[in-house]
Amino acid sequence: MTIPTAAGQEEAQLYEELRRAINEFEEGEQRQIVLNRMIRQLRFAKWRKDRMRKVDAYCQRIKPATLWIILTTGALTPVLLFSVFIWVSLWVG
């Protein structure tokens, strides 16, 4: 049994809304507008789900040491850049 993800639930919800929109609106311009909007939302949800699957797969494979390196680098980068800015300012000024 698979556990439904947030993206999968959103896609299922969008399909349900599409089904309701088809039944709710009669033939005409309003129905076409609603259907086109729903189709765009479904395409975007599918695209996002495919993209997030790659990110999720990477996150499942990442090791704790790699995660610590990424976090430390991200935390220390602004400090390093600010220090370089101060040193350059003192040197030039």
PDB file of N, CA and C in Angstrom:
ATOM      1  N   MET A   1       0.840  -1.181   0.000  1.00  0.00           N
ATOM      2  CA  MET A   1       0.000   0.000   0.000  1.00  0.00           C
ATOM      3  C   MET A   1       0.886   1.246   0.000  1.00  0.00           C
ATOM      4  N   THR A   2       0.577   2.180  -0.871  1.00  0.00           N
ATOM      5  CA  THR A   2       1.357   3.403  -0.940  1.00  0.00           C
ATOM      6  C   THR A   2       0.680   4.495  -0.122  1.00  0.00           C
ATOM      7  N   ILE A   3       1.512   5.343   0.460  1.00  0.00           N
ATOM      8  CA  ILE A   3       1.004   6.463   1.237  1.00  0.00           C
ATOM      9  C   ILE A   3       0.848   7.644   0.294  1.00  0.00           C
ATOM     10  N   PRO A   4      -0.347   8.238   0.210  1.00  0.00           N
ATOM     11  CA  PRO A   4      -0.530   9.356  -0.705  1.00  0.00           C
ATOM     12  C   PRO A   4       0.258  10.583  -0.231  1.00  0.00           C
ATOM     13  N   THR A   5       0.922  11.221  -1.176  1.00  0.00           N
ATOM     14  CA  THR A   5       1.694  12.417  -0.856  1.00  0.00           C
ATOM     15  C   THR A   5       0.797  13.640  -0.988  1.00  0.00           C
ATOM     16  N   ALA A   6       1.304  14.768  -0.535  1.00  0.00           N
ATOM     17  CA  ALA A   6       0.535  16.011  -0.628  1.00  0.00           C
ATOM     18  C   ALA A   6       0.260  16.361  -2.090  1.00  0.00           C
ATOM     19  N   ALA A   7       1.278  16.160  -2.953  1.00  0.00           N
ATOM     20  CA  ALA A   7       1.093  16.467  -4.374  1.00  0.00           C
ATOM     21  C   ALA A   7       0.062  15.531  -4.995  1.00  0.00           C
ATOM     22  N   GLY A   8       0.092  14.268  -4.606  1.00  0.00           N
ATOM     23  CA  GLY A   8      -0.884  13.312  -5.119  1.00  0.00           C
ATOM     24  C   GLY A   8      -2.290  13.628  -4.649  1.00  0.00           C
ATOM     25  N   GLN A   9      -2.420  14.052  -3.400  1.00  0.00           N
ATOM     26  CA  GLN A   9      -3.727  14.441  -2.876  1.00  0.00           C
ATOM     27  C   GLN A   9      -4.243  15.687  -3.582  1.00  0.00           C
ATOM     28  N   GLU A  10      -3.322  16.626  -3.848  1.00  0.00           N
ATOM     29  CA  GLU A  10      -3.726  17.839  -4.544  1.00  0.00           C
ATOM     30  C   GLU A  10      -4.196  17.510  -5.957  1.00  0.00           C
ATOM     31  N   GLU A  11      -3.481  16.601  -6.610  1.00  0.00           N
ATOM     32  CA  GLU A  11      -3.867  16.211  -7.968  1.00  0.00           C
ATOM     33  C   GLU A  11      -5.237  15.530  -7.960  1.00  0.00           C
ATOM     34  N   ALA A  12      -5.469  14.660  -6.982  1.00  0.00           N
ATOM     35  CA  ALA A  12      -6.766  13.994  -6.874  1.00  0.00           C
ATOM     36  C   ALA A  12      -7.875  15.012  -6.612  1.00  0.00           C
ATOM     37  N   GLN A  13      -7.591  16.003  -5.782  1.00  0.00           N
ATOM     38  CA  GLN A  13      -8.569  17.051  -5.488  1.00  0.00           C
ATOM     39  C   GLN A  13      -8.875  17.851  -6.752  1.00  0.00           C
ATOM     40  N   LEU A  14      -7.833  18.154  -7.549  1.00  0.00           N
ATOM     41  CA  LEU A  14      -8.051  18.904  -8.781  1.00  0.00           C
ATOM     42  C   LEU A  14      -8.893  18.108  -9.784  1.00  0.00           C
ATOM     43  N   TYR A  15      -8.662  16.789  -9.857  1.00  0.00           N
ATOM     44  CA  TYR A  15      -9.477  15.960 -10.745  1.00  0.00           C
ATOM     45  C   TYR A  15     -10.935  15.956 -10.283  1.00  0.00           C
ATOM     46  N   GLU A  16     -11.149  15.915  -8.975  1.00  0.00           N
ATOM     47  CA  GLU A  16     -12.511  15.949  -8.441  1.00  0.00           C
ATOM     48  C   GLU A  16     -13.175  17.284  -8.768  1.00  0.00           C
ATOM     49  N   GLU A  17     -12.439  18.390  -8.640  1.00  0.00           N
ATOM     50  CA  GLU A  17     -12.979  19.707  -9.002  1.00  0.00           C
ATOM     51  C   GLU A  17     -13.299  19.770 -10.492  1.00  0.00           C
ATOM     52  N   LEU A  18     -12.440  19.169 -11.306  1.00  0.00           N
ATOM     53  CA  LEU A  18     -12.681  19.144 -12.750  1.00  0.00           C
ATOM     54  C   LEU A  18     -13.967  18.376 -13.050  1.00  0.00           C
ATOM     55  N   ARG A  19     -14.149  17.231 -12.377  1.00  0.00           N
ATOM     56  CA  ARG A  19     -15.363  16.438 -12.563  1.00  0.00           C
ATOM     57  C   ARG A  19     -16.599  17.266 -12.191  1.00  0.00           C
ATOM     58  N   ARG A  20     -16.519  17.977 -11.054  1.00  0.00           N
ATOM     59  CA  ARG A  20     -17.655  18.803 -10.623  1.00  0.00           C
ATOM     60  C   ARG A  20     -17.900  19.946 -11.599  1.00  0.00           C
ATOM     61  N   ALA A  21     -16.826  20.545 -12.123  1.00  0.00           N
ATOM     62  CA  ALA A  21     -16.971  21.656 -13.063  1.00  0.00           C
ATOM     63  C   ALA A  21     -17.633  21.195 -14.351  1.00  0.00           C
ATOM     64  N   ILE A  22     -17.292  20.011 -14.788  1.00  0.00           N
ATOM     65  CA  ILE A  22     -17.907  19.478 -16.014  1.00  0.00           C
ATOM     66  C   ILE A  22     -19.400  19.291 -15.806  1.00  0.00           C
ATOM     67  N   ASN A  23     -19.789  18.788 -14.642  1.00  0.00           N
ATOM     68  CA  ASN A  23     -21.212  18.562 -14.368  1.00  0.00           C
ATOM     69  C   ASN A  23     -21.948  19.854 -14.036  1.00  0.00           C
ATOM     70  N   GLU A  24     -21.261  20.822 -13.446  1.00  0.00           N
ATOM     71  CA  GLU A  24     -21.906  22.041 -12.971  1.00  0.00           C
ATOM     72  C   GLU A  24     -22.240  23.012 -14.090  1.00  0.00           C
ATOM     73  N   PHE A  25     -21.308  23.207 -15.007  1.00  0.00           N
ATOM     74  CA  PHE A  25     -21.513  24.201 -16.052  1.00  0.00           C
ATOM     75  C   PHE A  25     -22.032  23.548 -17.320  1.00  0.00           C
ATOM     76  N   GLU A  26     -22.981  24.223 -17.932  1.00  0.00           N
ATOM     77  CA  GLU A  26     -23.493  23.740 -19.207  1.00  0.00           C
ATOM     78  C   GLU A  26     -22.556  24.222 -20.310  1.00  0.00           C
ATOM     79  N   GLU A  27     -22.791  23.701 -21.513  1.00  0.00           N
ATOM     80  CA  GLU A  27     -21.958  24.082 -22.653  1.00  0.00           C
ATOM     81  C   GLU A  27     -21.948  25.596 -22.804  1.00  0.00           C
ATOM     82  N   GLY A  28     -20.784  26.123 -23.073  1.00  0.00           N
ATOM     83  CA  GLY A  28     -20.702  27.562 -23.290  1.00  0.00           C
ATOM     84  C   GLY A  28     -19.331  28.092 -22.927  1.00  0.00           C
ATOM     85  N   GLU A  29     -19.236  29.410 -22.996  1.00  0.00           N
ATOM     86  CA  GLU A  29     -17.959  30.070 -22.771  1.00  0.00           C
ATOM     87  C   GLU A  29     -17.472  29.908 -21.334  1.00  0.00           C
ATOM     88  N   GLN A  30     -18.397  30.032 -20.372  1.00  0.00           N
ATOM     89  CA  GLN A  30     -18.008  29.913 -18.958  1.00  0.00           C
ATOM     90  C   GLN A  30     -17.432  28.526 -18.665  1.00  0.00           C
ATOM     91  N   ARG A  31     -18.049  27.500 -19.206  1.00  0.00           N
ATOM     92  CA  ARG A  31     -17.558  26.129 -18.998  1.00  0.00           C
ATOM     93  C   ARG A  31     -16.160  25.980 -19.595  1.00  0.00           C
ATOM     94  N   GLN A  32     -15.966  26.532 -20.777  1.00  0.00           N
ATOM     95  CA  GLN A  32     -14.665  26.420 -21.444  1.00  0.00           C
ATOM     96  C   GLN A  32     -13.588  27.130 -20.637  1.00  0.00           C
ATOM     97  N   ILE A  33     -13.906  28.301 -20.081  1.00  0.00           N
ATOM     98  CA  ILE A  33     -12.941  29.037 -19.265  1.00  0.00           C
ATOM     99  C   ILE A  33     -12.556  28.232 -18.034  1.00  0.00           C
ATOM    100  N   VAL A  34     -13.559  27.685 -17.360  1.00  0.00           N
ATOM    101  CA  VAL A  34     -13.307  26.894 -16.146  1.00  0.00           C
ATOM    102  C   VAL A  34     -12.499  25.644 -16.480  1.00  0.00           C
ATOM    103  N   LEU A  35     -12.853  24.966 -17.550  1.00  0.00           N
ATOM    104  CA  LEU A  35     -12.138  23.752 -17.937  1.00  0.00           C
ATOM    105  C   LEU A  35     -10.686  24.056 -18.301  1.00  0.00           C
ATOM    106  N   ASN A  36     -10.438  25.125 -19.028  1.00  0.00           N
ATOM    107  CA  ASN A  36      -9.063  25.486 -19.390  1.00  0.00           C
ATOM    108  C   ASN A  36      -8.235  25.806 -18.149  1.00  0.00           C
ATOM    109  N   ARG A  37      -8.842  26.524 -17.188  1.00  0.00           N
ATOM    110  CA  ARG A  37      -8.129  26.842 -15.950  1.00  0.00           C
ATOM    111  C   ARG A  37      -7.803  25.573 -15.178  1.00  0.00           C
ATOM    112  N   MET A  38      -8.759  24.658 -15.090  1.00  0.00           N
ATOM    113  CA  MET A  38      -8.542  23.408 -14.360  1.00  0.00           C
ATOM    114  C   MET A  38      -7.471  22.553 -15.042  1.00  0.00           C
ATOM    115  N   ILE A  39      -7.472  22.523 -16.349  1.00  0.00           N
ATOM    116  CA  ILE A  39      -6.471  21.742 -17.079  1.00  0.00           C
ATOM    117  C   ILE A  39      -5.079  22.305 -16.835  1.00  0.00           C
ATOM    118  N   ARG A  40      -4.943  23.640 -16.829  1.00  0.00           N
ATOM    119  CA  ARG A  40      -3.642  24.256 -16.524  1.00  0.00           C
ATOM    120  C   ARG A  40      -3.188  23.895 -15.114  1.00  0.00           C
ATOM    121  N   GLN A  41      -4.117  23.928 -14.152  1.00  0.00           N
ATOM    122  CA  GLN A  41      -3.763  23.570 -12.774  1.00  0.00           C
ATOM    123  C   GLN A  41      -3.314  22.116 -12.676  1.00  0.00           C
ATOM    124  N   LEU A  42      -3.998  21.226 -13.390  1.00  0.00           N
ATOM    125  CA  LEU A  42      -3.621  19.808 -13.368  1.00  0.00           C
ATOM    126  C   LEU A  42      -2.248  19.590 -13.991  1.00  0.00           C
ATOM    127  N   ARG A  43      -1.973  20.278 -15.092  1.00  0.00           N
ATOM    128  CA  ARG A  43      -0.652  20.138 -15.726  1.00  0.00           C
ATOM    129  C   ARG A  43       0.443  20.633 -14.794  1.00  0.00           C
ATOM    130  N   PHE A  44       0.198  21.757 -14.114  1.00  0.00           N
ATOM    131  CA  PHE A  44       1.193  22.288 -13.192  1.00  0.00           C
ATOM    132  C   PHE A  44       1.392  21.345 -12.009  1.00  0.00           C
ATOM    133  N   ALA A  45       0.298  20.776 -11.478  1.00  0.00           N
ATOM    134  CA  ALA A  45       0.405  19.845 -10.352  1.00  0.00           C
ATOM    135  C   ALA A  45       1.201  18.608 -10.759  1.00  0.00           C
ATOM    136  N   LYS A  46       0.967  18.106 -11.965  1.00  0.00           N
ATOM    137  CA  LYS A  46       1.710  16.937 -12.447  1.00  0.00           C
ATOM    138  C   LYS A  46       3.185  17.275 -12.620  1.00  0.00           C
ATOM    139  N   TRP A  47       3.475  18.453 -13.198  1.00  0.00           N
ATOM    140  CA  TRP A  47       4.861  18.878 -13.389  1.00  0.00           C
ATOM    141  C   TRP A  47       5.565  19.009 -12.046  1.00  0.00           C
ATOM    142  N   ARG A  48       4.884  19.636 -11.070  1.00  0.00           N
ATOM    143  CA  ARG A  48       5.481  19.830  -9.751  1.00  0.00           C
ATOM    144  C   ARG A  48       5.700  18.492  -9.055  1.00  0.00           C
ATOM    145  N   LYS A  49       4.757  17.566  -9.216  1.00  0.00           N
ATOM    146  CA  LYS A  49       4.907  16.246  -8.602  1.00  0.00           C
ATOM    147  C   LYS A  49       6.113  15.514  -9.190  1.00  0.00           C
ATOM    148  N   ASP A  50       6.299  15.615 -10.494  1.00  0.00           N
ATOM    149  CA  ASP A  50       7.463  14.984 -11.127  1.00  0.00           C
ATOM    150  C   ASP A  50       8.763  15.612 -10.643  1.00  0.00           C
ATOM    151  N   ARG A  51       8.792  16.935 -10.524  1.00  0.00           N
ATOM    152  CA  ARG A  51       9.998  17.622 -10.041  1.00  0.00           C
ATOM    153  C   ARG A  51      10.292  17.266  -8.586  1.00  0.00           C
ATOM    154  N   MET A  52       9.265  17.225  -7.762  1.00  0.00           N
ATOM    155  CA  MET A  52       9.454  16.939  -6.341  1.00  0.00           C
ATOM    156  C   MET A  52       9.866  15.484  -6.121  1.00  0.00           C
ATOM    157  N   ARG A  53       9.500  14.589  -7.028  1.00  0.00           N
ATOM    158  CA  ARG A  53       9.908  13.194  -6.900  1.00  0.00           C
ATOM    159  C   ARG A  53      11.430  13.090  -6.953  1.00  0.00           C
ATOM    160  N   LYS A  54      12.060  13.892  -7.812  1.00  0.00           N
ATOM    161  CA  LYS A  54      13.524  13.895  -7.905  1.00  0.00           C
ATOM    162  C   LYS A  54      14.146  14.452  -6.629  1.00  0.00           C
ATOM    163  N   VAL A  55      13.571  15.518  -6.092  1.00  0.00           N
ATOM    164  CA  VAL A  55      14.082  16.105  -4.858  1.00  0.00           C
ATOM    165  C   VAL A  55      13.916  15.129  -3.696  1.00  0.00           C
ATOM    166  N   ASP A  56      12.761  14.487  -3.622  1.00  0.00           N
ATOM    167  CA  ASP A  56      12.518  13.512  -2.549  1.00  0.00           C
ATOM    168  C   ASP A  56      13.487  12.340  -2.631  1.00  0.00           C
ATOM    169  N   ALA A  57      13.767  11.881  -3.850  1.00  0.00           N
ATOM    170  CA  ALA A  57      14.709  10.775  -4.015  1.00  0.00           C
ATOM    171  C   ALA A  57      16.098  11.192  -3.543  1.00  0.00           C
ATOM    172  N   TYR A  58      16.511  12.420  -3.857  1.00  0.00           N
ATOM    173  CA  TYR A  58      17.814  12.908  -3.400  1.00  0.00           C
ATOM    174  C   TYR A  58      17.843  13.011  -1.879  1.00  0.00           C
ATOM    175  N   CYS A  59      16.777  13.524  -1.295  1.00  0.00           N
ATOM    176  CA  CYS A  59      16.724  13.682   0.169  1.00  0.00           C
ATOM    177  C   CYS A  59      16.754  12.329   0.882  1.00  0.00           C
ATOM    178  N   GLN A  60      16.218  11.301   0.254  1.00  0.00           N
ATOM    179  CA  GLN A  60      16.240   9.975   0.870  1.00  0.00           C
ATOM    180  C   GLN A  60      17.646   9.385   0.861  1.00  0.00           C
ATOM    181  N   ARG A  61      18.464   9.751  -0.141  1.00  0.00           N
ATOM    182  CA  ARG A  61      19.809   9.196  -0.273  1.00  0.00           C
ATOM    183  C   ARG A  61      20.863   9.987   0.486  1.00  0.00           C
ATOM    184  N   ILE A  62      20.541  11.210   0.901  1.00  0.00           N
ATOM    185  CA  ILE A  62      21.551  12.077   1.500  1.00  0.00           C
ATOM    186  C   ILE A  62      21.987  11.532   2.865  1.00  0.00           C
ATOM    187  N   LYS A  63      23.276  11.640   3.139  1.00  0.00           N
ATOM    188  CA  LYS A  63      23.836  11.141   4.394  1.00  0.00           C
ATOM    189  C   LYS A  63      23.905  12.291   5.398  1.00  0.00           C
ATOM    190  N   PRO A  64      23.875  11.994   6.688  1.00  0.00           N
ATOM    191  CA  PRO A  64      23.915  13.057   7.702  1.00  0.00           C
ATOM    192  C   PRO A  64      25.149  13.951   7.590  1.00  0.00           C
ATOM    193  N   ALA A  65      26.305  13.385   7.268  1.00  0.00           N
ATOM    194  CA  ALA A  65      27.519  14.196   7.141  1.00  0.00           C
ATOM    195  C   ALA A  65      27.360  15.212   6.012  1.00  0.00           C
ATOM    196  N   THR A  66      26.792  14.798   4.903  1.00  0.00           N
ATOM    197  CA  THR A  66      26.567  15.707   3.780  1.00  0.00           C
ATOM    198  C   THR A  66      25.593  16.805   4.173  1.00  0.00           C
ATOM    199  N   LEU A  67      24.564  16.445   4.899  1.00  0.00           N
ATOM    200  CA  LEU A  67      23.593  17.431   5.351  1.00  0.00           C
ATOM    201  C   LEU A  67      24.246  18.472   6.255  1.00  0.00           C
ATOM    202  N   TRP A  68      25.108  18.031   7.171  1.00  0.00           N
ATOM    203  CA  TRP A  68      25.808  18.968   8.053  1.00  0.00           C
ATOM    204  C   TRP A  68      26.726  19.891   7.263  1.00  0.00           C
ATOM    205  N   ILE A  69      27.383  19.358   6.253  1.00  0.00           N
ATOM    206  CA  ILE A  69      28.261  20.188   5.414  1.00  0.00           C
ATOM    207  C   ILE A  69      27.435  21.251   4.690  1.00  0.00           C
ATOM    208  N   ILE A  70      26.298  20.866   4.149  1.00  0.00           N
ATOM    209  CA  ILE A  70      25.434  21.817   3.436  1.00  0.00           C
ATOM    210  C   ILE A  70      24.941  22.901   4.389  1.00  0.00           C
ATOM    211  N   LEU A  71      24.481  22.511   5.571  1.00  0.00           N
ATOM    212  CA  LEU A  71      23.979  23.486   6.550  1.00  0.00           C
ATOM    213  C   LEU A  71      25.076  24.421   7.042  1.00  0.00           C
ATOM    214  N   THR A  72      26.250  23.862   7.315  1.00  0.00           N
ATOM    215  CA  THR A  72      27.361  24.684   7.795  1.00  0.00           C
ATOM    216  C   THR A  72      27.815  25.668   6.726  1.00  0.00           C
ATOM    217  N   THR A  73      27.914  25.201   5.515  1.00  0.00           N
ATOM    218  CA  THR A  73      28.310  26.082   4.416  1.00  0.00           C
ATOM    219  C   THR A  73      27.308  27.209   4.250  1.00  0.00           C
ATOM    220  N   GLY A  74      26.029  26.872   4.296  1.00  0.00           N
ATOM    221  CA  GLY A  74      24.989  27.894   4.160  1.00  0.00           C
ATOM    222  C   GLY A  74      25.003  28.898   5.299  1.00  0.00           C
ATOM    223  N   ALA A  75      25.336  28.434   6.507  1.00  0.00           N
ATOM    224  CA  ALA A  75      25.353  29.338   7.658  1.00  0.00           C
ATOM    225  C   ALA A  75      26.594  30.220   7.664  1.00  0.00           C
ATOM    226  N   LEU A  76      27.721  29.691   7.225  1.00  0.00           N
ATOM    227  CA  LEU A  76      28.969  30.443   7.293  1.00  0.00           C
ATOM    228  C   LEU A  76      29.225  31.339   6.079  1.00  0.00           C
ATOM    229  N   THR A  77      28.555  31.104   4.992  1.00  0.00           N
ATOM    230  CA  THR A  77      28.768  31.909   3.788  1.00  0.00           C
ATOM    231  C   THR A  77      28.507  33.396   4.022  1.00  0.00           C
ATOM    232  N   PRO A  78      27.381  33.790   4.642  1.00  0.00           N
ATOM    233  CA  PRO A  78      27.186  35.232   4.872  1.00  0.00           C
ATOM    234  C   PRO A  78      28.262  35.844   5.781  1.00  0.00           C
ATOM    235  N   VAL A  79      28.715  35.102   6.787  1.00  0.00           N
ATOM    236  CA  VAL A  79      29.768  35.601   7.679  1.00  0.00           C
ATOM    237  C   VAL A  79      31.054  35.816   6.897  1.00  0.00           C
ATOM    238  N   LEU A  80      31.405  34.866   6.064  1.00  0.00           N
ATOM    239  CA  LEU A  80      32.614  34.969   5.252  1.00  0.00           C
ATOM    240  C   LEU A  80      32.530  36.145   4.282  1.00  0.00           C
ATOM    241  N   LEU A  81      31.403  36.289   3.603  1.00  0.00           N
ATOM    242  CA  LEU A  81      31.244  37.388   2.652  1.00  0.00           C
ATOM    243  C   LEU A  81      31.289  38.745   3.360  1.00  0.00           C
ATOM    244  N   PHE A  82      30.669  38.852   4.528  1.00  0.00           N
ATOM    245  CA  PHE A  82      30.707  40.099   5.276  1.00  0.00           C
ATOM    246  C   PHE A  82      32.133  40.419   5.713  1.00  0.00           C
ATOM    247  N   SER A  83      32.871  39.406   6.152  1.00  0.00           N
ATOM    248  CA  SER A  83      34.266  39.615   6.558  1.00  0.00           C
ATOM    249  C   SER A  83      35.116  40.099   5.384  1.00  0.00           C
ATOM    250  N   VAL A  84      34.931  39.498   4.238  1.00  0.00           N
ATOM    251  CA  VAL A  84      35.666  39.926   3.042  1.00  0.00           C
ATOM    252  C   VAL A  84      35.294  41.362   2.695  1.00  0.00           C
ATOM    253  N   PHE A  85      34.022  41.703   2.794  1.00  0.00           N
ATOM    254  CA  PHE A  85      33.582  43.068   2.521  1.00  0.00           C
ATOM    255  C   PHE A  85      34.260  44.062   3.461  1.00  0.00           C
ATOM    256  N   ILE A  86      34.332  43.752   4.751  1.00  0.00           N
ATOM    257  CA  ILE A  86      34.975  44.628   5.732  1.00  0.00           C
ATOM    258  C   ILE A  86      36.466  44.781   5.411  1.00  0.00           C
ATOM    259  N   TRP A  87      37.147  43.666   5.139  1.00  0.00           N
ATOM    260  CA  TRP A  87      38.578  43.735   4.848  1.00  0.00           C
ATOM    261  C   TRP A  87      38.855  44.549   3.591  1.00  0.00           C
ATOM    262  N   VAL A  88      38.028  44.354   2.563  1.00  0.00           N
ATOM    263  CA  VAL A  88      38.218  45.119   1.325  1.00  0.00           C
ATOM    264  C   VAL A  88      37.935  46.592   1.575  1.00  0.00           C
ATOM    265  N   SER A  89      36.904  46.890   2.366  1.00  0.00           N
ATOM    266  CA  SER A  89      36.582  48.285   2.686  1.00  0.00           C
ATOM    267  C   SER A  89      37.733  48.955   3.430  1.00  0.00           C
ATOM    268  N   LEU A  90      38.330  48.258   4.363  1.00  0.00           N
ATOM    269  CA  LEU A  90      39.458  48.810   5.125  1.00  0.00           C
ATOM    270  C   LEU A  90      40.681  48.984   4.237  1.00  0.00           C
ATOM    271  N   TRP A  91      40.906  48.047   3.335  1.00  0.00           N
ATOM    272  CA  TRP A  91      42.058  48.099   2.465  1.00  0.00           C
ATOM    273  C   TRP A  91      41.943  49.230   1.449  1.00  0.00           C
ATOM    274  N   VAL A  92      40.740  49.400   0.871  1.00  0.00           N
ATOM    275  CA  VAL A  92      40.518  50.430  -0.147  1.00  0.00           C
ATOM    276  C   VAL A  92      40.418  51.802   0.518  1.00  0.00           C
ATOM    277  N   GLY A  93      39.723  51.879   1.657  1.00  0.00           N
ATOM    278  CA  GLY A  93      39.448  53.176   2.289  1.00  0.00           C
ATOM    279  C   GLY A  93      40.575  53.638   3.056  1.00  0.00           C
TER     280      GLY A  93
END
